[in-house]
Amino acid sequence: MRQQSKESIIILFISAVLALNYPFLGLFDRTWMPFGIPLLYLYLYLVWFLIIVLLIAIVERSKVREPNEHGESGPSAPAPAAEPASRIDTAVKAGGGNGSVELP
């Protein structure tokens, strides 16, 4: 994670703590109910939603990507060779089906 992203997350945390503490909560503790929802509850859920969206934006922007994730074609590592199936099948058939397997 980049240094700028860490700083952004810390700033977001401090802002969230301030927004969800007494001085601001006292501003929204009113009897007015927009859409039938108490103003304090509406404020809490909107701030909570905004914090989550901003955190997602910061983290997505700061992802460390591999060169191949951007669609760049480069030399790729060869796939590991698998055990030939014919050798295993032959060993199973040679065992006579009694559960014992002997490899050549």
N, C-alpha and C. Protein backbone atom coordinates (compact mmCIF):
# COMPACT_ATOMS: atom_id res chain seq x y z
N MET A 1 0.86 -1.18 0.00
CA MET A 1 0.00 0.00 0.00
C MET A 1 0.90 1.23 0.00
N ARG A 2 0.51 2.18 -0.78
CA ARG A 2 1.32 3.39 -0.91
C ARG A 2 1.18 4.27 0.34
N GLN A 3 2.17 5.11 0.57
CA GLN A 3 2.18 6.01 1.73
C GLN A 3 1.01 6.98 1.67
N GLN A 4 0.69 7.48 0.49
CA GLN A 4 -0.41 8.42 0.34
C GLN A 4 -1.74 7.78 0.73
N SER A 5 -1.91 6.50 0.42
CA SER A 5 -3.13 5.80 0.79
C SER A 5 -3.24 5.65 2.31
N LYS A 6 -2.12 5.34 2.96
CA LYS A 6 -2.13 5.23 4.41
C LYS A 6 -2.52 6.55 5.05
N GLU A 7 -1.99 7.64 4.52
CA GLU A 7 -2.34 8.96 5.05
C GLU A 7 -3.82 9.27 4.81
N SER A 8 -4.34 8.88 3.66
CA SER A 8 -5.75 9.12 3.35
C SER A 8 -6.66 8.33 4.30
N ILE A 9 -6.27 7.10 4.60
CA ILE A 9 -7.07 6.29 5.52
C ILE A 9 -7.05 6.88 6.92
N ILE A 10 -5.90 7.39 7.35
CA ILE A 10 -5.81 8.02 8.68
C ILE A 10 -6.67 9.28 8.73
N ILE A 11 -6.62 10.09 7.67
CA ILE A 11 -7.45 11.30 7.62
C ILE A 11 -8.93 10.93 7.63
N LEU A 12 -9.30 9.89 6.89
CA LEU A 12 -10.70 9.44 6.87
C LEU A 12 -11.13 8.96 8.26
N PHE A 13 -10.26 8.24 8.96
CA PHE A 13 -10.57 7.75 10.30
C PHE A 13 -10.81 8.91 11.27
N ILE A 14 -9.93 9.89 11.25
CA ILE A 14 -10.07 11.03 12.15
C ILE A 14 -11.33 11.82 11.82
N SER A 15 -11.62 12.00 10.54
CA SER A 15 -12.84 12.69 10.14
C SER A 15 -14.08 11.93 10.59
N ALA A 16 -14.04 10.61 10.47
CA ALA A 16 -15.18 9.79 10.89
C ALA A 16 -15.40 9.86 12.39
N VAL A 17 -14.32 9.84 13.15
CA VAL A 17 -14.44 9.95 14.61
C VAL A 17 -15.06 11.30 14.99
N LEU A 18 -14.63 12.35 14.34
CA LEU A 18 -15.19 13.68 14.63
C LEU A 18 -16.66 13.76 14.21
N ALA A 19 -16.99 13.20 13.05
CA ALA A 19 -18.36 13.27 12.54
C ALA A 19 -19.34 12.44 13.36
N LEU A 20 -18.83 11.42 14.05
CA LEU A 20 -19.71 10.54 14.81
C LEU A 20 -19.61 10.77 16.32
N ASN A 21 -19.17 11.95 16.74
CA ASN A 21 -19.09 12.29 18.16
C ASN A 21 -20.02 13.44 18.50
N TYR A 22 -20.05 13.79 19.77
CA TYR A 22 -21.05 14.69 20.32
C TYR A 22 -21.32 15.99 19.58
N PRO A 23 -20.35 16.82 19.29
CA PRO A 23 -20.75 18.13 18.73
C PRO A 23 -21.60 18.01 17.46
N PHE A 24 -21.22 17.09 16.58
CA PHE A 24 -21.98 16.94 15.35
C PHE A 24 -23.28 16.17 15.58
N LEU A 25 -23.25 15.19 16.44
CA LEU A 25 -24.49 14.45 16.73
C LEU A 25 -25.52 15.36 17.37
N GLY A 26 -25.07 16.30 18.17
CA GLY A 26 -26.00 17.24 18.81
C GLY A 26 -26.68 18.15 17.80
N LEU A 27 -25.99 18.45 16.70
CA LEU A 27 -26.59 19.28 15.66
C LEU A 27 -27.78 18.60 14.99
N PHE A 28 -27.74 17.28 14.91
CA PHE A 28 -28.77 16.54 14.18
C PHE A 28 -29.80 15.88 15.10
N ASP A 29 -29.73 16.13 16.40
CA ASP A 29 -30.69 15.56 17.34
C ASP A 29 -31.91 16.49 17.42
N ARG A 30 -32.72 16.49 16.37
CA ARG A 30 -33.89 17.35 16.27
C ARG A 30 -35.13 16.50 16.07
N THR A 31 -36.28 17.11 16.24
CA THR A 31 -37.54 16.38 16.06
C THR A 31 -37.99 16.34 14.61
N TRP A 32 -37.34 17.08 13.73
CA TRP A 32 -37.70 17.08 12.32
C TRP A 32 -37.43 15.70 11.72
N MET A 33 -38.38 15.16 10.95
CA MET A 33 -38.26 13.81 10.41
C MET A 33 -38.43 13.82 8.89
N PRO A 34 -37.35 13.98 8.13
CA PRO A 34 -37.48 13.88 6.67
C PRO A 34 -37.75 12.43 6.26
N PHE A 35 -38.70 12.24 5.37
CA PHE A 35 -39.10 10.90 4.89
C PHE A 35 -39.57 10.00 6.03
N GLY A 36 -39.98 10.58 7.14
CA GLY A 36 -40.46 9.79 8.28
C GLY A 36 -39.36 9.16 9.11
N ILE A 37 -38.10 9.53 8.84
CA ILE A 37 -36.95 8.98 9.57
C ILE A 37 -36.40 10.09 10.45
N PRO A 38 -36.15 9.81 11.72
CA PRO A 38 -35.55 10.84 12.58
C PRO A 38 -34.23 11.34 11.97
N LEU A 39 -34.01 12.63 12.07
CA LEU A 39 -32.85 13.27 11.45
C LEU A 39 -31.54 12.69 11.95
N LEU A 40 -31.45 12.36 13.23
CA LEU A 40 -30.21 11.79 13.77
C LEU A 40 -29.90 10.44 13.13
N TYR A 41 -30.91 9.59 12.97
CA TYR A 41 -30.68 8.28 12.34
C TYR A 41 -30.28 8.44 10.88
N LEU A 42 -30.93 9.35 10.19
CA LEU A 42 -30.59 9.61 8.80
C LEU A 42 -29.14 10.08 8.68
N TYR A 43 -28.72 10.99 9.55
CA TYR A 43 -27.35 11.49 9.56
C TYR A 43 -26.36 10.35 9.82
N LEU A 44 -26.64 9.52 10.82
CA LEU A 44 -25.73 8.42 11.16
C LEU A 44 -25.55 7.46 9.99
N TYR A 45 -26.66 7.06 9.37
CA TYR A 45 -26.56 6.11 8.26
C TYR A 45 -25.90 6.72 7.03
N LEU A 46 -26.17 7.97 6.75
CA LEU A 46 -25.53 8.61 5.59
C LEU A 46 -24.03 8.79 5.80
N VAL A 47 -23.62 9.18 7.01
CA VAL A 47 -22.19 9.33 7.30
C VAL A 47 -21.51 7.97 7.24
N TRP A 48 -22.15 6.96 7.81
CA TRP A 48 -21.60 5.60 7.79
C TRP A 48 -21.42 5.12 6.35
N PHE A 49 -22.44 5.33 5.51
CA PHE A 49 -22.38 4.94 4.11
C PHE A 49 -21.25 5.69 3.39
N LEU A 50 -21.13 6.97 3.64
CA LEU A 50 -20.10 7.79 3.00
C LEU A 50 -18.69 7.32 3.40
N ILE A 51 -18.52 6.98 4.67
CA ILE A 51 -17.21 6.49 5.14
C ILE A 51 -16.85 5.20 4.41
N ILE A 52 -17.80 4.28 4.27
CA ILE A 52 -17.54 3.00 3.60
C ILE A 52 -17.19 3.23 2.13
N VAL A 53 -17.93 4.09 1.45
CA VAL A 53 -17.67 4.36 0.04
C VAL A 53 -16.29 4.99 -0.14
N LEU A 54 -15.95 5.95 0.70
CA LEU A 54 -14.63 6.59 0.60
C LEU A 54 -13.50 5.60 0.89
N LEU A 55 -13.70 4.74 1.86
CA LEU A 55 -12.67 3.74 2.18
C LEU A 55 -12.48 2.77 1.01
N ILE A 56 -13.57 2.35 0.39
CA ILE A 56 -13.46 1.47 -0.78
C ILE A 56 -12.71 2.18 -1.90
N ALA A 57 -13.02 3.45 -2.14
CA ALA A 57 -12.34 4.20 -3.19
C ALA A 57 -10.84 4.33 -2.92
N ILE A 58 -10.47 4.58 -1.67
CA ILE A 58 -9.05 4.71 -1.32
C ILE A 58 -8.32 3.39 -1.52
N VAL A 59 -8.91 2.30 -1.06
CA VAL A 59 -8.26 1.00 -1.15
C VAL A 59 -8.16 0.54 -2.60
N GLU A 60 -9.21 0.72 -3.38
CA GLU A 60 -9.16 0.33 -4.79
C GLU A 60 -8.11 1.12 -5.56
N ARG A 61 -7.97 2.38 -5.25
CA ARG A 61 -7.00 3.22 -5.94
C ARG A 61 -5.57 2.83 -5.58
N SER A 62 -5.37 2.27 -4.39
CA SER A 62 -4.02 2.00 -3.92
C SER A 62 -3.58 0.56 -4.12
N LYS A 63 -4.35 -0.25 -4.80
CA LYS A 63 -3.96 -1.64 -4.99
C LYS A 63 -2.66 -1.73 -5.77
N VAL A 64 -1.81 -2.65 -5.35
CA VAL A 64 -0.58 -2.91 -6.07
C VAL A 64 -0.90 -3.99 -7.08
N ARG A 65 -0.72 -3.68 -8.33
CA ARG A 65 -1.08 -4.61 -9.39
C ARG A 65 0.17 -5.22 -10.02
N GLU A 66 0.03 -6.48 -10.40
CA GLU A 66 1.10 -7.16 -11.12
C GLU A 66 1.10 -6.65 -12.56
N PRO A 67 2.23 -6.71 -13.25
CA PRO A 67 2.29 -6.23 -14.64
C PRO A 67 1.28 -6.91 -15.56
N ASN A 68 1.00 -8.19 -15.35
CA ASN A 68 0.08 -8.92 -16.23
C ASN A 68 -1.38 -8.56 -15.98
N GLU A 69 -1.72 -7.92 -14.87
CA GLU A 69 -3.11 -7.57 -14.58
C GLU A 69 -3.60 -6.42 -15.44
N HIS A 70 -2.70 -5.65 -16.01
CA HIS A 70 -3.09 -4.52 -16.84
C HIS A 70 -3.28 -4.93 -18.29
N GLY A 71 -3.14 -6.19 -18.58
CA GLY A 71 -3.28 -6.64 -19.94
C GLY A 71 -1.98 -6.64 -20.71
N GLU A 72 -0.88 -6.33 -20.04
CA GLU A 72 0.41 -6.33 -20.69
C GLU A 72 0.85 -7.77 -20.90
N SER A 73 1.29 -8.07 -22.08
CA SER A 73 1.75 -9.43 -22.33
C SER A 73 3.26 -9.46 -22.17
N GLY A 74 3.71 -10.35 -21.37
CA GLY A 74 5.13 -10.49 -21.12
C GLY A 74 5.46 -11.96 -21.03
N PRO A 75 6.71 -12.25 -20.78
CA PRO A 75 7.06 -13.67 -20.65
C PRO A 75 6.38 -14.25 -19.42
N SER A 76 5.70 -15.34 -19.64
CA SER A 76 5.02 -15.98 -18.51
C SER A 76 5.80 -17.21 -18.10
N ALA A 77 5.67 -17.58 -16.86
CA ALA A 77 6.38 -18.75 -16.34
C ALA A 77 5.75 -20.01 -16.92
N PRO A 78 6.57 -21.00 -17.28
CA PRO A 78 6.01 -22.24 -17.82
C PRO A 78 5.25 -23.00 -16.74
N ALA A 79 4.23 -23.70 -17.17
CA ALA A 79 3.44 -24.49 -16.23
C ALA A 79 4.24 -25.71 -15.81
N PRO A 80 4.11 -26.15 -14.55
CA PRO A 80 4.85 -27.33 -14.11
C PRO A 80 4.33 -28.58 -14.82
N ALA A 81 5.26 -29.47 -15.10
CA ALA A 81 4.90 -30.71 -15.80
C ALA A 81 4.12 -31.62 -14.86
N ALA A 82 3.07 -32.21 -15.37
CA ALA A 82 2.23 -33.11 -14.57
C ALA A 82 2.75 -34.54 -14.71
N GLU A 83 2.42 -35.37 -13.75
CA GLU A 83 2.78 -36.79 -13.78
C GLU A 83 1.98 -37.45 -14.90
N PRO A 84 2.63 -38.19 -15.76
CA PRO A 84 1.90 -38.84 -16.85
C PRO A 84 0.87 -39.82 -16.31
N ALA A 85 -0.35 -39.71 -16.81
CA ALA A 85 -1.45 -40.55 -16.34
C ALA A 85 -1.25 -42.00 -16.74
N SER A 86 -0.58 -42.26 -17.86
CA SER A 86 -0.43 -43.63 -18.33
C SER A 86 0.41 -44.46 -17.35
N ARG A 87 1.40 -43.86 -16.72
CA ARG A 87 2.24 -44.58 -15.76
C ARG A 87 1.42 -44.97 -14.53
N ILE A 88 0.56 -44.07 -14.06
CA ILE A 88 -0.26 -44.37 -12.89
C ILE A 88 -1.30 -45.42 -13.23
N ASP A 89 -1.93 -45.30 -14.41
CA ASP A 89 -2.93 -46.29 -14.82
C ASP A 89 -2.32 -47.67 -14.95
N THR A 90 -1.12 -47.74 -15.49
CA THR A 90 -0.45 -49.02 -15.65
C THR A 90 -0.16 -49.65 -14.29
N ALA A 91 0.25 -48.84 -13.32
CA ALA A 91 0.56 -49.36 -11.99
C ALA A 91 -0.69 -49.87 -11.30
N VAL A 92 -1.82 -49.20 -11.51
CA VAL A 92 -3.08 -49.64 -10.89
C VAL A 92 -3.54 -50.93 -11.51
N LYS A 93 -3.43 -51.04 -12.83
CA LYS A 93 -3.85 -52.27 -13.52
C LYS A 93 -2.95 -53.43 -13.14
N ALA A 94 -1.67 -53.18 -12.95
CA ALA A 94 -0.73 -54.25 -12.59
C ALA A 94 -1.00 -54.77 -11.20
N GLY A 95 -1.60 -53.97 -10.33
CA GLY A 95 -1.88 -54.39 -8.97
C GLY A 95 -3.00 -55.40 -8.89
N GLY A 96 -3.75 -55.57 -9.95
CA GLY A 96 -4.80 -56.58 -9.99
C GLY A 96 -6.07 -56.14 -9.29
N GLY A 97 -6.19 -54.91 -8.93
CA GLY A 97 -7.44 -54.43 -8.34
C GLY A 97 -7.60 -54.78 -6.89
N ASN A 98 -6.56 -55.31 -6.22
CA ASN A 98 -6.68 -55.67 -4.82
C ASN A 98 -6.30 -54.54 -3.88
N GLY A 99 -6.08 -53.36 -4.41
CA GLY A 99 -5.78 -52.21 -3.58
C GLY A 99 -4.30 -51.93 -3.41
N SER A 100 -3.45 -52.88 -3.76
CA SER A 100 -2.01 -52.65 -3.64
C SER A 100 -1.50 -52.09 -4.96
N VAL A 101 -0.67 -51.09 -4.86
CA VAL A 101 -0.14 -50.43 -6.04
C VAL A 101 1.37 -50.47 -5.97
N GLU A 102 1.97 -50.95 -7.04
CA GLU A 102 3.43 -50.97 -7.13
C GLU A 102 3.82 -50.14 -8.35
N LEU A 103 4.65 -49.16 -8.12
CA LEU A 103 5.13 -48.35 -9.23
C LEU A 103 6.37 -48.97 -9.81
N PRO A 104 6.53 -48.92 -11.17
CA PRO A 104 7.71 -49.52 -11.81
C PRO A 104 8.98 -48.80 -11.45
